């Protein structure tokens, strides 16, 4: 996706940060929505360090802050 398409995707303001849903996030990086949800589960268990905003309970709504997530994904591409 190019920058213009990314800017037009739906976002939500959570705790003062622009965030995506897991489905929107998956669309941006070109993976399945379930992949992003699995990354969130691993982050809650401490196995991964994906930036996200969520309550620490099972089945809580997950929000992915746009800028920190894109930096996290781009860092992984460099290695």
PDB file of N, CA and C in Angstrom:
ATOM      1  N   UNK A   1       0.841  -1.176   0.000  1.00  0.00           N
ATOM      2  CA  UNK A   1       0.000   0.000   0.000  1.00  0.00           C
ATOM      3  C   UNK A   1       0.891   1.247   0.000  1.00  0.00           C
ATOM      4  N   UNK A   2       0.426   2.262  -0.687  1.00  0.00           N
ATOM      5  CA  UNK A   2       1.190   3.506  -0.670  1.00  0.00           C
ATOM      6  C   UNK A   2       0.717   4.391   0.495  1.00  0.00           C
ATOM      7  N   UNK A   3       1.436   5.460   0.734  1.00  0.00           N
ATOM      8  CA  UNK A   3       1.159   6.341   1.872  1.00  0.00           C
ATOM      9  C   UNK A   3      -0.242   6.962   1.800  1.00  0.00           C
ATOM     10  N   UNK A   4      -0.697   7.304   0.602  1.00  0.00           N
ATOM     11  CA  UNK A   4      -2.020   7.916   0.452  1.00  0.00           C
ATOM     12  C   UNK A   4      -3.123   6.937   0.838  1.00  0.00           C
ATOM     13  N   UNK A   5      -3.006   5.674   0.432  1.00  0.00           N
ATOM     14  CA  UNK A   5      -3.992   4.657   0.794  1.00  0.00           C
ATOM     15  C   UNK A   5      -3.995   4.423   2.299  1.00  0.00           C
ATOM     16  N   UNK A   6      -2.822   4.426   2.914  1.00  0.00           N
ATOM     17  CA  UNK A   6      -2.723   4.208   4.353  1.00  0.00           C
ATOM     18  C   UNK A   6      -3.393   5.346   5.115  1.00  0.00           C
ATOM     19  N   UNK A   7      -3.222   6.575   4.644  1.00  0.00           N
ATOM     20  CA  UNK A   7      -3.827   7.729   5.313  1.00  0.00           C
ATOM     21  C   UNK A   7      -5.348   7.679   5.269  1.00  0.00           C
ATOM     22  N   UNK A   8      -5.930   7.029   4.266  1.00  0.00           N
ATOM     23  CA  UNK A   8      -7.381   6.968   4.126  1.00  0.00           C
ATOM     24  C   UNK A   8      -8.029   5.817   4.888  1.00  0.00           C
ATOM     25  N   UNK A   9      -7.238   4.974   5.529  1.00  0.00           N
ATOM     26  CA  UNK A   9      -7.796   3.850   6.289  1.00  0.00           C
ATOM     27  C   UNK A   9      -8.436   4.347   7.584  1.00  0.00           C
ATOM     28  N   UNK A  10      -9.453   3.625   8.080  1.00  0.00           N
ATOM     29  CA  UNK A  10     -10.116   4.062   9.309  1.00  0.00           C
ATOM     30  C   UNK A  10      -9.198   3.929  10.520  1.00  0.00           C
ATOM     31  N   UNK A  11      -9.191   4.965  11.356  1.00  0.00           N
ATOM     32  CA  UNK A  11      -8.420   4.946  12.598  1.00  0.00           C
ATOM     33  C   UNK A  11      -9.332   5.305  13.758  1.00  0.00           C
ATOM     34  N   UNK A  12      -8.873   4.988  14.952  1.00  0.00           N
ATOM     35  CA  UNK A  12      -9.599   5.283  16.177  1.00  0.00           C
ATOM     36  C   UNK A  12      -8.622   5.965  17.126  1.00  0.00           C
ATOM     37  N   UNK A  13      -9.066   6.978  17.853  1.00  0.00           N
ATOM     38  CA  UNK A  13      -8.217   7.611  18.856  1.00  0.00           C
ATOM     39  C   UNK A  13      -8.395   6.870  20.182  1.00  0.00           C
ATOM     40  N   UNK A  14      -7.298   6.308  20.684  1.00  0.00           N
ATOM     41  CA  UNK A  14      -7.312   5.589  21.958  1.00  0.00           C
ATOM     42  C   UNK A  14      -6.178   6.140  22.809  1.00  0.00           C
ATOM     43  N   UNK A  15      -6.516   6.647  23.987  1.00  0.00           N
ATOM     44  CA  UNK A  15      -5.526   7.233  24.897  1.00  0.00           C
ATOM     45  C   UNK A  15      -4.674   8.292  24.205  1.00  0.00           C
ATOM     46  N   UNK A  16      -5.294   9.033  23.308  1.00  0.00           N
ATOM     47  CA  UNK A  16      -4.608  10.113  22.617  1.00  0.00           C
ATOM     48  C   UNK A  16      -3.712   9.684  21.472  1.00  0.00           C
ATOM     49  N   UNK A  17      -3.779   8.423  21.079  1.00  0.00           N
ATOM     50  CA  UNK A  17      -2.964   7.916  19.972  1.00  0.00           C
ATOM     51  C   UNK A  17      -3.851   7.422  18.847  1.00  0.00           C
ATOM     52  N   UNK A  18      -3.420   7.660  17.612  1.00  0.00           N
ATOM     53  CA  UNK A  18      -4.150   7.178  16.440  1.00  0.00           C
ATOM     54  C   UNK A  18      -3.879   5.677  16.318  1.00  0.00           C
ATOM     55  N   UNK A  19      -4.944   4.861  16.309  1.00  0.00           N
ATOM     56  CA  UNK A  19      -4.804   3.406  16.313  1.00  0.00           C
ATOM     57  C   UNK A  19      -5.607   2.746  15.199  1.00  0.00           C
ATOM     58  N   UNK A  20      -5.180   1.538  14.855  1.00  0.00           N
ATOM     59  CA  UNK A  20      -5.898   0.685  13.910  1.00  0.00           C
ATOM     60  C   UNK A  20      -6.482  -0.504  14.641  1.00  0.00           C
ATOM     61  N   UNK A  21      -7.493  -1.098  14.030  1.00  0.00           N
ATOM     62  CA  UNK A  21      -7.986  -2.397  14.484  1.00  0.00           C
ATOM     63  C   UNK A  21      -7.036  -3.452  13.930  1.00  0.00           C
ATOM     64  N   UNK A  22      -7.069  -4.679  14.461  1.00  0.00           N
ATOM     65  CA  UNK A  22      -6.215  -5.729  13.900  1.00  0.00           C
ATOM     66  C   UNK A  22      -6.466  -5.973  12.412  1.00  0.00           C
ATOM     67  N   UNK A  23      -7.706  -5.863  11.961  1.00  0.00           N
ATOM     68  CA  UNK A  23      -8.019  -6.100  10.549  1.00  0.00           C
ATOM     69  C   UNK A  23      -7.392  -5.033   9.660  1.00  0.00           C
ATOM     70  N   UNK A  24      -7.483  -3.776  10.057  1.00  0.00           N
ATOM     71  CA  UNK A  24      -6.886  -2.692   9.274  1.00  0.00           C
ATOM     72  C   UNK A  24      -5.371  -2.823   9.269  1.00  0.00           C
ATOM     73  N   UNK A  25      -4.808  -3.132  10.422  1.00  0.00           N
ATOM     74  CA  UNK A  25      -3.360  -3.311  10.538  1.00  0.00           C
ATOM     75  C   UNK A  25      -2.877  -4.424   9.606  1.00  0.00           C
ATOM     76  N   UNK A  26      -3.602  -5.533   9.587  1.00  0.00           N
ATOM     77  CA  UNK A  26      -3.242  -6.657   8.724  1.00  0.00           C
ATOM     78  C   UNK A  26      -3.298  -6.264   7.255  1.00  0.00           C
ATOM     79  N   UNK A  27      -4.294  -5.477   6.894  1.00  0.00           N
ATOM     80  CA  UNK A  27      -4.435  -5.027   5.503  1.00  0.00           C
ATOM     81  C   UNK A  27      -3.238  -4.185   5.082  1.00  0.00           C
ATOM     82  N   UNK A  28      -2.760  -3.327   5.971  1.00  0.00           N
ATOM     83  CA  UNK A  28      -1.635  -2.443   5.667  1.00  0.00           C
ATOM     84  C   UNK A  28      -0.363  -3.234   5.396  1.00  0.00           C
ATOM     85  N   UNK A  29      -0.070  -4.218   6.242  1.00  0.00           N
ATOM     86  CA  UNK A  29       1.197  -4.945   6.094  1.00  0.00           C
ATOM     87  C   UNK A  29       1.076  -6.204   5.238  1.00  0.00           C
ATOM     88  N   UNK A  30      -0.137  -6.539   4.827  1.00  0.00           N
ATOM     89  CA  UNK A  30      -0.325  -7.649   3.896  1.00  0.00           C
ATOM     90  C   UNK A  30      -0.293  -9.028   4.515  1.00  0.00           C
ATOM     91  N   UNK A  31      -0.821  -9.143   5.735  1.00  0.00           N
ATOM     92  CA  UNK A  31      -0.933 -10.456   6.373  1.00  0.00           C
ATOM     93  C   UNK A  31      -2.386 -10.690   6.752  1.00  0.00           C
ATOM     94  N   UNK A  32      -2.689 -11.879   7.220  1.00  0.00           N
ATOM     95  CA  UNK A  32      -4.033 -12.219   7.654  1.00  0.00           C
ATOM     96  C   UNK A  32      -4.321 -11.563   9.002  1.00  0.00           C
ATOM     97  N   UNK A  33      -5.566 -11.232   9.240  1.00  0.00           N
ATOM     98  CA  UNK A  33      -5.985 -10.625  10.506  1.00  0.00           C
ATOM     99  C   UNK A  33      -5.632 -11.516  11.688  1.00  0.00           C
ATOM    100  N   UNK A  34      -5.774 -12.823  11.510  1.00  0.00           N
ATOM    101  CA  UNK A  34      -5.462 -13.751  12.597  1.00  0.00           C
ATOM    102  C   UNK A  34      -3.984 -13.714  12.978  1.00  0.00           C
ATOM    103  N   UNK A  35      -3.121 -13.398  12.029  1.00  0.00           N
ATOM    104  CA  UNK A  35      -1.701 -13.267  12.330  1.00  0.00           C
ATOM    105  C   UNK A  35      -1.478 -12.132  13.313  1.00  0.00           C
ATOM    106  N   UNK A  36      -2.118 -11.006  13.075  1.00  0.00           N
ATOM    107  CA  UNK A  36      -1.976  -9.850  13.971  1.00  0.00           C
ATOM    108  C   UNK A  36      -2.556 -10.189  15.345  1.00  0.00           C
ATOM    109  N   UNK A  37      -3.680 -10.877  15.380  1.00  0.00           N
ATOM    110  CA  UNK A  37      -4.284 -11.270  16.655  1.00  0.00           C
ATOM    111  C   UNK A  37      -3.365 -12.239  17.407  1.00  0.00           C
ATOM    112  N   UNK A  38      -2.728 -13.157  16.688  1.00  0.00           N
ATOM    113  CA  UNK A  38      -1.782 -14.069  17.340  1.00  0.00           C
ATOM    114  C   UNK A  38      -0.568 -13.325  17.881  1.00  0.00           C
ATOM    115  N   UNK A  39      -0.090 -12.315  17.144  1.00  0.00           N
ATOM    116  CA  UNK A  39       1.011 -11.489  17.660  1.00  0.00           C
ATOM    117  C   UNK A  39       0.583 -10.798  18.951  1.00  0.00           C
ATOM    118  N   UNK A  40      -0.660 -10.322  19.005  1.00  0.00           N
ATOM    119  CA  UNK A  40      -1.166  -9.663  20.209  1.00  0.00           C
ATOM    120  C   UNK A  40      -1.222 -10.648  21.375  1.00  0.00           C
ATOM    121  N   UNK A  41      -1.666 -11.863  21.116  1.00  0.00           N
ATOM    122  CA  UNK A  41      -1.701 -12.890  22.176  1.00  0.00           C
ATOM    123  C   UNK A  41      -0.304 -13.171  22.705  1.00  0.00           C
ATOM    124  N   UNK A  42       0.658 -13.292  21.785  1.00  0.00           N
ATOM    125  CA  UNK A  42       2.042 -13.537  22.208  1.00  0.00           C
ATOM    126  C   UNK A  42       2.593 -12.358  22.997  1.00  0.00           C
ATOM    127  N   UNK A  43       2.204 -11.155  22.630  1.00  0.00           N
ATOM    128  CA  UNK A  43       2.645  -9.970  23.361  1.00  0.00           C
ATOM    129  C   UNK A  43       2.086  -9.984  24.783  1.00  0.00           C
ATOM    130  N   UNK A  44       0.819 -10.368  24.919  1.00  0.00           N
ATOM    131  CA  UNK A  44       0.219 -10.441  26.261  1.00  0.00           C
ATOM    132  C   UNK A  44       0.913 -11.486  27.128  1.00  0.00           C
ATOM    133  N   UNK A  45       1.422 -12.555  26.503  1.00  0.00           N
ATOM    134  CA  UNK A  45       2.138 -13.603  27.243  1.00  0.00           C
ATOM    135  C   UNK A  45       3.592 -13.229  27.514  1.00  0.00           C
ATOM    136  N   UNK A  46       4.070 -12.159  26.873  1.00  0.00           N
ATOM    137  CA  UNK A  46       5.448 -11.734  27.054  1.00  0.00           C
ATOM    138  C   UNK A  46       6.419 -12.371  26.078  1.00  0.00           C
ATOM    139  N   UNK A  47       5.920 -13.055  25.064  1.00  0.00           N
ATOM    140  CA  UNK A  47       6.770 -13.720  24.079  1.00  0.00           C
ATOM    141  C   UNK A  47       7.154 -12.807  22.923  1.00  0.00           C
ATOM    142  N   UNK A  48       6.481 -11.680  22.787  1.00  0.00           N
ATOM    143  CA  UNK A  48       6.716 -10.749  21.688  1.00  0.00           C
ATOM    144  C   UNK A  48       6.551  -9.336  22.243  1.00  0.00           C
ATOM    145  N   UNK A  49       7.052  -8.348  21.536  1.00  0.00           N
ATOM    146  CA  UNK A  49       6.956  -6.974  22.039  1.00  0.00           C
ATOM    147  C   UNK A  49       6.244  -6.033  21.063  1.00  0.00           C
ATOM    148  N   UNK A  50       5.183  -6.505  20.453  1.00  0.00           N
ATOM    149  CA  UNK A  50       4.429  -5.676  19.514  1.00  0.00           C
ATOM    150  C   UNK A  50       3.736  -4.539  20.257  1.00  0.00           C
ATOM    151  N   UNK A  51       3.829  -3.302  19.755  1.00  0.00           N
ATOM    152  CA  UNK A  51       3.112  -2.206  20.402  1.00  0.00           C
ATOM    153  C   UNK A  51       1.608  -2.361  20.207  1.00  0.00           C
ATOM    154  N   UNK A  52       0.871  -2.302  21.315  1.00  0.00           N
ATOM    155  CA  UNK A  52      -0.587  -2.407  21.244  1.00  0.00           C
ATOM    156  C   UNK A  52      -1.189  -1.830  22.499  1.00  0.00           C
ATOM    157  N   UNK A  53      -2.477  -1.536  22.427  1.00  0.00           N
ATOM    158  CA  UNK A  53      -3.233  -1.049  23.566  1.00  0.00           C
ATOM    159  C   UNK A  53      -4.382  -2.023  23.774  1.00  0.00           C
ATOM    160  N   UNK A  54      -4.432  -2.618  24.965  1.00  0.00           N
ATOM    161  CA  UNK A  54      -5.476  -3.591  25.253  1.00  0.00           C
ATOM    162  C   UNK A  54      -5.566  -3.796  26.761  1.00  0.00           C
ATOM    163  N   UNK A  55      -6.720  -4.178  27.231  1.00  0.00           N
ATOM    164  CA  UNK A  55      -6.859  -4.556  28.636  1.00  0.00           C
ATOM    165  C   UNK A  55      -6.170  -5.911  28.832  1.00  0.00           C
ATOM    166  N   UNK A  56      -5.665  -6.179  30.030  1.00  0.00           N
ATOM    167  CA  UNK A  56      -4.931  -7.434  30.249  1.00  0.00           C
ATOM    168  C   UNK A  56      -5.821  -8.661  30.453  1.00  0.00           C
ATOM    169  N   UNK A  57      -7.045  -8.633  29.967  1.00  0.00           N
ATOM    170  CA  UNK A  57      -7.942  -9.767  30.103  1.00  0.00           C
ATOM    171  C   UNK A  57      -8.147 -10.451  28.756  1.00  0.00           C
ATOM    172  N   UNK A  58      -8.568 -11.700  28.809  1.00  0.00           N
ATOM    173  CA  UNK A  58      -8.808 -12.449  27.578  1.00  0.00           C
ATOM    174  C   UNK A  58      -9.955 -11.819  26.792  1.00  0.00           C
ATOM    175  N   UNK A  59      -9.842 -11.857  25.487  1.00  0.00           N
ATOM    176  CA  UNK A  59     -10.858 -11.353  24.556  1.00  0.00           C
ATOM    177  C   UNK A  59     -11.120  -9.850  24.680  1.00  0.00           C
ATOM    178  N   UNK A  60     -10.148  -9.119  25.208  1.00  0.00           N
ATOM    179  CA  UNK A  60     -10.292  -7.655  25.272  1.00  0.00           C
ATOM    180  C   UNK A  60     -10.057  -7.071  23.888  1.00  0.00           C
ATOM    181  N   UNK A  61     -10.663  -5.953  23.620  1.00  0.00           N
ATOM    182  CA  UNK A  61     -10.489  -5.265  22.337  1.00  0.00           C
ATOM    183  C   UNK A  61      -9.022  -4.865  22.185  1.00  0.00           C
ATOM    184  N   UNK A  62      -8.486  -5.058  20.983  1.00  0.00           N
ATOM    185  CA  UNK A  62      -7.086  -4.757  20.708  1.00  0.00           C
ATOM    186  C   UNK A  62      -7.022  -3.552  19.772  1.00  0.00           C
ATOM    187  N   UNK A  63      -6.177  -2.603  20.123  1.00  0.00           N
ATOM    188  CA  UNK A  63      -5.904  -1.452  19.276  1.00  0.00           C
ATOM    189  C   UNK A  63      -4.406  -1.397  19.035  1.00  0.00           C
ATOM    190  N   UNK A  64      -4.007  -1.101  17.814  1.00  0.00           N
ATOM    191  CA  UNK A  64      -2.595  -1.033  17.460  1.00  0.00           C
ATOM    192  C   UNK A  64      -2.253   0.415  17.125  1.00  0.00           C
ATOM    193  N   UNK A  65      -1.402   1.070  17.946  1.00  0.00           N
ATOM    194  CA  UNK A  65      -1.006   2.446  17.651  1.00  0.00           C
ATOM    195  C   UNK A  65      -0.221   2.503  16.347  1.00  0.00           C
ATOM    196  N   UNK A  66      -0.618   3.370  15.450  1.00  0.00           N
ATOM    197  CA  UNK A  66      -0.104   3.409  14.080  1.00  0.00           C
ATOM    198  C   UNK A  66       1.405   3.618  14.014  1.00  0.00           C
ATOM    199  N   UNK A  67       1.900   4.728  14.556  1.00  0.00           N
ATOM    200  CA  UNK A  67       3.321   5.046  14.405  1.00  0.00           C
ATOM    201  C   UNK A  67       4.246   4.046  15.099  1.00  0.00           C
ATOM    202  N   UNK A  68       4.005   3.686  16.378  1.00  0.00           N
ATOM    203  CA  UNK A  68       4.886   2.701  17.006  1.00  0.00           C
ATOM    204  C   UNK A  68       4.867   1.344  16.291  1.00  0.00           C
ATOM    205  N   UNK A  69       3.685   0.942  15.801  1.00  0.00           N
ATOM    206  CA  UNK A  69       3.609  -0.340  15.105  1.00  0.00           C
ATOM    207  C   UNK A  69       4.400  -0.321  13.803  1.00  0.00           C
ATOM    208  N   UNK A  70       4.254   0.762  13.034  1.00  0.00           N
ATOM    209  CA  UNK A  70       4.988   0.834  11.768  1.00  0.00           C
ATOM    210  C   UNK A  70       6.499   0.850  12.006  1.00  0.00           C
ATOM    211  N   UNK A  71       6.950   1.515  13.072  1.00  0.00           N
ATOM    212  CA  UNK A  71       8.373   1.477  13.416  1.00  0.00           C
ATOM    213  C   UNK A  71       8.797   0.064  13.801  1.00  0.00           C
ATOM    214  N   UNK A  72       7.944  -0.648  14.541  1.00  0.00           N
ATOM    215  CA  UNK A  72       8.229  -2.016  14.967  1.00  0.00           C
ATOM    216  C   UNK A  72       8.345  -2.942  13.749  1.00  0.00           C
ATOM    217  N   UNK A  73       7.421  -2.812  12.811  1.00  0.00           N
ATOM    218  CA  UNK A  73       7.432  -3.649  11.609  1.00  0.00           C
ATOM    219  C   UNK A  73       8.653  -3.333  10.747  1.00  0.00           C
ATOM    220  N   UNK A  74       8.946  -2.076  10.568  1.00  0.00           N
ATOM    221  CA  UNK A  74      10.111  -1.686   9.751  1.00  0.00           C
ATOM    222  C   UNK A  74      11.412  -2.123  10.388  1.00  0.00           C
ATOM    223  N   UNK A  75      11.509  -2.121  11.696  1.00  0.00           N
ATOM    224  CA  UNK A  75      12.721  -2.595  12.378  1.00  0.00           C
ATOM    225  C   UNK A  75      12.944  -4.072  12.063  1.00  0.00           C
ATOM    226  N   UNK A  76      11.869  -4.847  12.045  1.00  0.00           N
ATOM    227  CA  UNK A  76      11.973  -6.275  11.728  1.00  0.00           C
ATOM    228  C   UNK A  76      12.429  -6.523  10.305  1.00  0.00           C
ATOM    229  N   UNK A  77      12.105  -5.609   9.397  1.00  0.00           N
ATOM    230  CA  UNK A  77      12.511  -5.769   7.997  1.00  0.00           C
ATOM    231  C   UNK A  77      14.016  -5.533   7.806  1.00  0.00           C
ATOM    232  N   UNK A  78      14.623  -4.755   8.686  1.00  0.00           N
ATOM    233  CA  UNK A  78      16.031  -4.428   8.561  1.00  0.00           C
ATOM    234  C   UNK A  78      16.933  -5.608   8.891  1.00  0.00           C
ATOM    235  N   UNK A  79      16.469  -6.496   9.760  1.00  0.00           N
ATOM    236  CA  UNK A  79      17.312  -7.622  10.189  1.00  0.00           C
ATOM    237  C   UNK A  79      17.317  -8.747   9.206  1.00  0.00           C
TER     238      UNK A  79
END
